[in-house]
Amino acid sequence: MAFVNDVFLPLSEARVSVEDHGFQFGDGVYELIRVYAGRLFHLTEHLDRLEQSAHAVAISVPYTRERWTALVAEAVSRSRYPEAKVYIQLTRGVAPRDHVLASPVPPTVVLTVRALVPPDPVLYARGVDVVTVPDIRWAWCNVKSVSLLANVLAKQQAREKGAFEALFVRDGQVLEGATSNVAVVRDRVLITPPEGPLLLSGVTRKVVLTVAQQAGVAVKEEPLTEADLSTADEVLLTGTTIEVLPVVRVDGRPIGAGAPGPVTRLVMDRFRRALA
């Protein structure tokens, strides 16, 4: 199911202009929202971030919060997918190709709903491998931009090395994954890099920190180095589609006992309970 500029239509029929700034320049922002049993996961927080990203790059937001909420709900209902992922993409609009618009144009809105295929349960039972890569992204990583070339290249590098995810490292600091946030456990304390311009603060990340604290796990937001990563007792990833995923090897080196650790398993369990 798709919605393009006020029109619902089948995804296979959805089209945007080749002159769209999102296509020509990667000039747009987006959100990804999870649907569980027909229920949208923290829609308010996702719409908050969509508006923040749009305002940061001066793209006008065409709908009120109430209109966004109704559109997303209707798209999910029309899709008939109980388990789904919803993408909202908002671009600067359609105009002759030039870096600067000659005159204001309406932004382009694209909303799509796809059936969600969750990761293989084996990944949660056994854990995954990740690799570290240099962070070649721009300086506003807290803006959820549709320009994801650096992320695509990092994810491809991870796949070529047989890893699930690539973690960005800049000036010795571990920031986040290409498609996830990252945290480590040391002495039963959950530690994750702090919010700021060099990482996207995930909605799932915030929920995980909350349920961890509710479960009695101490939480810290502080910078992580590559040494912190390699010497951690546990490492885990968080994200919209993966939820909480244990990491058992970084750059081929085992983390802890080389199996999902007790804090990660606890947080995984509490996160899933919170969905019930």
Protein backbone atom coordinates (compact mmCIF):
# COMPACT_ATOMS: atom_id res chain seq x y z
CA MET A 1 0.00 0.00 0.00
CA ALA A 2 1.21 3.50 -0.82
CA PHE A 3 0.14 7.11 -0.40
CA VAL A 4 1.63 9.74 -2.69
CA ASN A 5 0.64 13.39 -2.37
CA ASP A 6 -2.89 12.83 -1.06
CA VAL A 7 -3.66 9.72 -3.10
CA PHE A 8 -3.81 6.13 -1.83
CA LEU A 9 -2.82 3.52 -4.42
CA PRO A 10 -1.18 0.08 -4.69
CA LEU A 11 2.55 0.18 -4.01
CA SER A 12 3.28 -1.18 -7.49
CA GLU A 13 1.56 1.86 -9.02
CA ALA A 14 3.21 4.53 -6.84
CA ARG A 15 5.31 7.06 -8.79
CA VAL A 16 7.23 10.27 -8.15
CA SER A 17 8.68 12.68 -10.69
CA VAL A 18 12.26 12.29 -11.92
CA GLU A 19 12.57 16.00 -11.12
CA ASP A 20 11.87 15.39 -7.43
CA HIS A 21 14.60 16.81 -5.20
CA GLY A 22 14.58 13.59 -3.19
CA PHE A 23 15.58 11.64 -6.31
CA GLN A 24 17.94 14.22 -7.78
CA PHE A 25 19.73 15.33 -4.60
CA GLY A 26 18.75 13.00 -1.76
CA ASP A 27 17.01 16.12 -0.45
CA GLY A 28 14.50 14.74 2.00
CA VAL A 29 13.86 13.15 5.38
CA TYR A 30 12.06 10.00 6.46
CA GLU A 31 10.78 7.81 9.26
CA LEU A 32 10.31 4.07 9.72
CA ILE A 33 7.53 2.92 12.05
CA ARG A 34 6.82 -0.61 13.24
CA VAL A 35 3.34 -2.12 13.38
CA TYR A 36 2.61 -4.90 15.89
CA ALA A 37 -0.71 -6.74 15.52
CA GLY A 38 -2.14 -3.70 13.77
CA ARG A 39 -0.86 -1.28 16.44
CA LEU A 40 1.61 1.47 15.59
CA PHE A 41 4.71 1.50 17.80
CA HIS A 42 5.32 4.91 19.40
CA LEU A 43 3.90 6.85 16.46
CA THR A 44 4.02 10.14 18.36
CA GLU A 45 7.78 9.88 18.90
CA HIS A 46 8.36 9.02 15.25
CA LEU A 47 6.30 11.98 14.07
CA ASP A 48 8.17 14.23 16.52
CA ARG A 49 11.44 13.16 14.91
CA LEU A 50 10.08 13.55 11.37
CA GLU A 51 9.13 17.14 12.13
CA GLN A 52 12.48 17.83 13.81
CA SER A 53 14.38 16.47 10.82
CA ALA A 54 12.27 18.46 8.35
CA HIS A 55 12.67 21.68 10.30
CA ALA A 56 16.44 21.16 10.57
CA VAL A 57 16.79 21.16 6.77
CA ALA A 58 14.02 23.70 6.11
CA ILE A 59 11.58 21.34 4.40
CA SER A 60 8.00 22.37 5.03
CA VAL A 61 5.74 19.87 6.79
CA PRO A 62 2.43 19.82 4.87
CA TYR A 63 0.16 18.11 7.39
CA THR A 64 -0.92 18.67 10.95
CA ARG A 65 -0.13 16.04 13.55
CA GLU A 66 -3.74 14.90 13.46
CA ARG A 67 -3.62 14.49 9.68
CA TRP A 68 -0.37 12.48 9.82
CA THR A 69 -1.82 10.21 12.47
CA ALA A 70 -4.98 9.60 10.46
CA LEU A 71 -3.05 8.97 7.22
CA VAL A 72 -0.71 6.43 8.78
CA ALA A 73 -3.57 4.62 10.49
CA GLU A 74 -5.57 4.51 7.26
CA ALA A 75 -2.59 3.24 5.27
CA VAL A 76 -2.02 0.42 7.75
CA SER A 77 -5.71 -0.47 7.71
CA ARG A 78 -5.80 -0.51 3.91
CA SER A 79 -2.68 -2.71 3.74
CA ARG A 80 -4.27 -5.42 5.90
CA TYR A 81 -0.82 -6.36 7.21
CA PRO A 82 -1.02 -7.04 10.98
CA GLU A 83 2.80 -7.01 11.20
CA ALA A 84 4.20 -4.23 9.05
CA LYS A 85 6.71 -1.47 8.55
CA VAL A 86 5.63 2.01 7.54
CA TYR A 87 7.94 4.43 5.74
CA ILE A 88 7.18 8.14 5.54
CA GLN A 89 9.36 10.12 3.12
CA LEU A 90 9.14 13.88 2.83
CA THR A 91 11.18 15.69 0.15
CA ARG A 92 11.62 19.32 -0.86
CA GLY A 93 9.41 18.74 -3.88
CA VAL A 94 9.46 18.77 -7.69
CA ALA A 95 11.34 21.49 -9.59
CA PRO A 96 13.76 21.80 -12.51
CA ARG A 97 17.11 20.37 -11.47
CA ASP A 98 19.03 23.04 -9.59
CA HIS A 99 20.49 23.11 -6.10
CA VAL A 100 18.29 26.07 -5.14
CA LEU A 101 14.58 26.28 -5.88
CA ALA A 102 13.66 29.23 -8.11
CA SER A 103 10.39 29.50 -6.21
CA PRO A 104 8.68 27.57 -3.43
CA VAL A 105 7.02 24.27 -4.39
CA PRO A 106 4.90 21.85 -2.36
CA PRO A 107 6.89 19.11 -0.63
CA THR A 108 6.47 15.55 -1.85
CA VAL A 109 4.91 13.08 0.60
CA VAL A 110 5.33 9.35 0.10
CA LEU A 111 4.03 6.83 2.60
CA THR A 112 4.40 3.09 2.07
CA VAL A 113 3.33 0.04 4.07
CA ARG A 114 5.06 -3.31 3.61
CA ALA A 115 4.64 -6.62 5.36
CA LEU A 116 7.30 -7.11 8.01
CA VAL A 117 9.43 -10.23 7.90
CA PRO A 118 11.18 -10.34 11.31
CA PRO A 119 14.80 -11.46 11.61
CA ASP A 120 15.48 -15.18 11.97
CA PRO A 121 14.94 -16.23 15.63
CA VAL A 122 18.33 -17.98 15.45
CA LEU A 123 19.98 -14.55 15.42
CA TYR A 124 18.51 -13.76 18.83
CA ALA A 125 19.45 -17.14 20.25
CA ARG A 126 23.03 -17.18 18.95
CA GLY A 127 23.84 -13.50 18.48
CA VAL A 128 25.35 -11.76 15.46
CA ASP A 129 28.69 -10.54 14.16
CA VAL A 130 29.40 -6.87 13.50
CA VAL A 131 32.31 -5.02 11.93
CA THR A 132 33.62 -1.51 12.52
CA VAL A 133 33.97 0.94 9.63
CA PRO A 134 35.20 4.54 9.35
CA ASP A 135 32.37 7.05 9.63
CA ILE A 136 32.28 8.97 6.33
CA ARG A 137 28.81 10.46 6.88
CA TRP A 138 28.01 14.16 7.20
CA ALA A 139 27.94 16.09 10.48
CA TRP A 140 24.15 16.08 11.05
CA CYS A 141 23.54 12.40 11.65
CA ASN A 142 20.71 13.30 14.04
CA VAL A 143 18.71 14.33 10.95
CA LYS A 144 17.05 11.26 9.46
CA SER A 145 17.97 12.05 5.87
CA VAL A 146 17.02 9.96 2.84
CA SER A 147 20.62 10.40 1.67
CA LEU A 148 21.97 7.08 2.94
CA LEU A 149 24.87 6.27 0.60
CA ALA A 150 27.41 5.96 3.42
CA ASN A 151 25.05 3.62 5.27
CA VAL A 152 24.50 1.52 2.14
CA LEU A 153 28.26 1.17 1.62
CA ALA A 154 28.81 0.25 5.28
CA LYS A 155 26.05 -2.34 5.21
CA GLN A 156 27.48 -3.82 2.02
CA GLN A 157 30.93 -4.01 3.62
CA ALA A 158 29.44 -5.86 6.58
CA ARG A 159 27.69 -8.34 4.30
CA GLU A 160 30.89 -9.00 2.36
CA LYS A 161 32.59 -9.88 5.64
CA GLY A 162 29.77 -12.16 6.75
CA ALA A 163 28.56 -9.74 9.42
CA PHE A 164 25.06 -8.55 10.26
CA GLU A 165 25.85 -4.89 10.90
CA ALA A 166 28.55 -2.23 10.50
CA LEU A 167 29.35 0.13 13.37
CA PHE A 168 30.51 3.63 12.53
CA VAL A 169 33.71 4.86 14.21
CA ARG A 170 34.77 8.51 14.08
CA ASP A 171 37.91 9.84 15.81
CA GLY A 172 38.08 6.64 17.88
CA GLN A 173 34.47 6.95 19.06
CA VAL A 174 31.93 4.21 18.34
CA LEU A 175 28.70 6.01 17.40
CA GLU A 176 26.00 3.71 16.00
CA GLY A 177 25.28 1.08 13.40
CA ALA A 178 24.41 1.64 9.77
CA THR A 179 20.80 0.75 10.62
CA SER A 180 20.83 0.50 14.42
CA ASN A 181 21.95 2.00 17.70
CA VAL A 182 24.58 0.23 19.79
CA ALA A 183 25.15 -0.33 23.51
CA VAL A 184 27.58 -2.28 25.64
CA VAL A 185 27.31 -3.90 29.05
CA ARG A 186 30.15 -3.57 31.54
CA ASP A 187 29.76 -4.78 35.13
CA ARG A 188 26.00 -5.07 34.51
CA VAL A 189 25.77 -1.40 33.51
CA LEU A 190 24.21 -0.67 30.11
CA ILE A 191 26.20 2.03 28.33
CA THR A 192 25.28 3.71 25.05
CA PRO A 193 26.67 6.76 23.23
CA PRO A 194 24.87 9.99 24.17
CA GLU A 195 22.48 11.83 21.92
CA GLY A 196 24.04 14.47 19.69
CA PRO A 197 24.63 15.44 16.06
CA LEU A 198 26.77 12.39 15.29
CA LEU A 199 24.08 9.76 15.81
CA LEU A 200 20.38 9.26 15.28
CA SER A 201 18.62 8.83 18.60
CA GLY A 202 16.42 5.81 17.93
CA VAL A 203 12.89 5.51 19.25
CA THR A 204 13.56 1.85 20.09
CA ARG A 205 16.80 2.92 21.82
CA LYS A 206 14.82 5.15 24.19
CA VAL A 207 12.31 2.41 24.95
CA VAL A 208 15.13 -0.07 25.63
CA LEU A 209 16.84 2.31 28.06
CA THR A 210 13.53 2.76 29.90
CA VAL A 211 12.71 -0.95 30.21
CA ALA A 212 16.30 -1.69 31.25
CA GLN A 213 16.05 0.80 34.11
CA GLN A 214 12.67 -0.59 35.10
CA ALA A 215 14.28 -4.03 35.27
CA GLY A 216 16.94 -2.73 37.68
CA VAL A 217 19.74 -2.32 35.14
CA ALA A 218 21.85 0.80 35.59
CA VAL A 219 22.01 2.89 32.42
CA LYS A 220 24.66 5.40 31.33
CA GLU A 221 24.85 7.57 28.23
CA GLU A 222 28.52 8.26 27.62
CA PRO A 223 31.02 8.04 24.74
CA LEU A 224 32.24 4.59 23.72
CA THR A 225 35.68 3.88 22.30
CA GLU A 226 36.74 0.94 20.18
CA ALA A 227 38.51 -0.42 23.28
CA ASP A 228 35.24 -0.19 25.22
CA LEU A 229 33.60 -2.23 22.50
CA SER A 230 36.21 -4.97 22.35
CA THR A 231 36.50 -5.34 26.14
CA ALA A 232 32.75 -5.18 26.92
CA ASP A 233 31.01 -8.01 28.75
CA GLU A 234 28.14 -7.76 26.27
CA VAL A 235 27.24 -5.77 23.15
CA LEU A 236 23.76 -5.28 21.75
CA LEU A 237 22.00 -3.50 18.90
CA THR A 238 18.61 -1.80 18.99
CA GLY A 239 16.35 -0.77 16.12
CA THR A 240 12.82 -0.63 14.76
CA THR A 241 12.93 -3.94 12.89
CA ILE A 242 15.48 -5.82 15.02
CA GLU A 243 14.23 -4.68 18.46
CA VAL A 244 17.08 -5.86 20.76
CA LEU A 245 19.72 -8.03 19.10
CA PRO A 246 22.78 -9.54 20.86
CA VAL A 247 26.25 -9.14 19.34
CA VAL A 248 28.72 -11.95 19.96
CA ARG A 249 31.69 -10.91 17.78
CA VAL A 250 33.16 -7.57 16.73
CA ASP A 251 35.62 -7.64 13.83
CA GLY A 252 35.90 -11.39 14.35
CA ARG A 253 36.79 -11.17 18.05
CA PRO A 254 34.42 -12.76 20.60
CA ILE A 255 32.57 -10.55 23.06
CA GLY A 256 32.48 -11.95 26.58
CA ALA A 257 31.72 -15.65 26.43
CA GLY A 258 30.85 -15.41 22.74
CA ALA A 259 27.13 -15.87 23.44
CA PRO A 260 24.21 -13.56 24.33
CA GLY A 261 24.77 -12.31 27.86
CA PRO A 262 22.38 -12.14 30.83
CA VAL A 263 21.70 -8.38 30.69
CA THR A 264 20.99 -8.52 26.97
CA ARG A 265 18.64 -11.47 27.47
CA LEU A 266 16.88 -9.61 30.29
CA VAL A 267 16.43 -6.48 28.21
CA MET A 268 15.21 -8.51 25.23
CA ASP A 269 12.60 -10.15 27.46
CA ARG A 270 11.45 -6.89 29.06
CA PHE A 271 11.20 -5.16 25.68
CA ARG A 272 8.97 -7.92 24.33
CA ARG A 273 6.83 -7.85 27.45
CA ALA A 274 6.34 -4.12 26.93
CA LEU A 275 4.81 -4.88 23.55
CA ALA A 276 2.11 -7.12 25.02
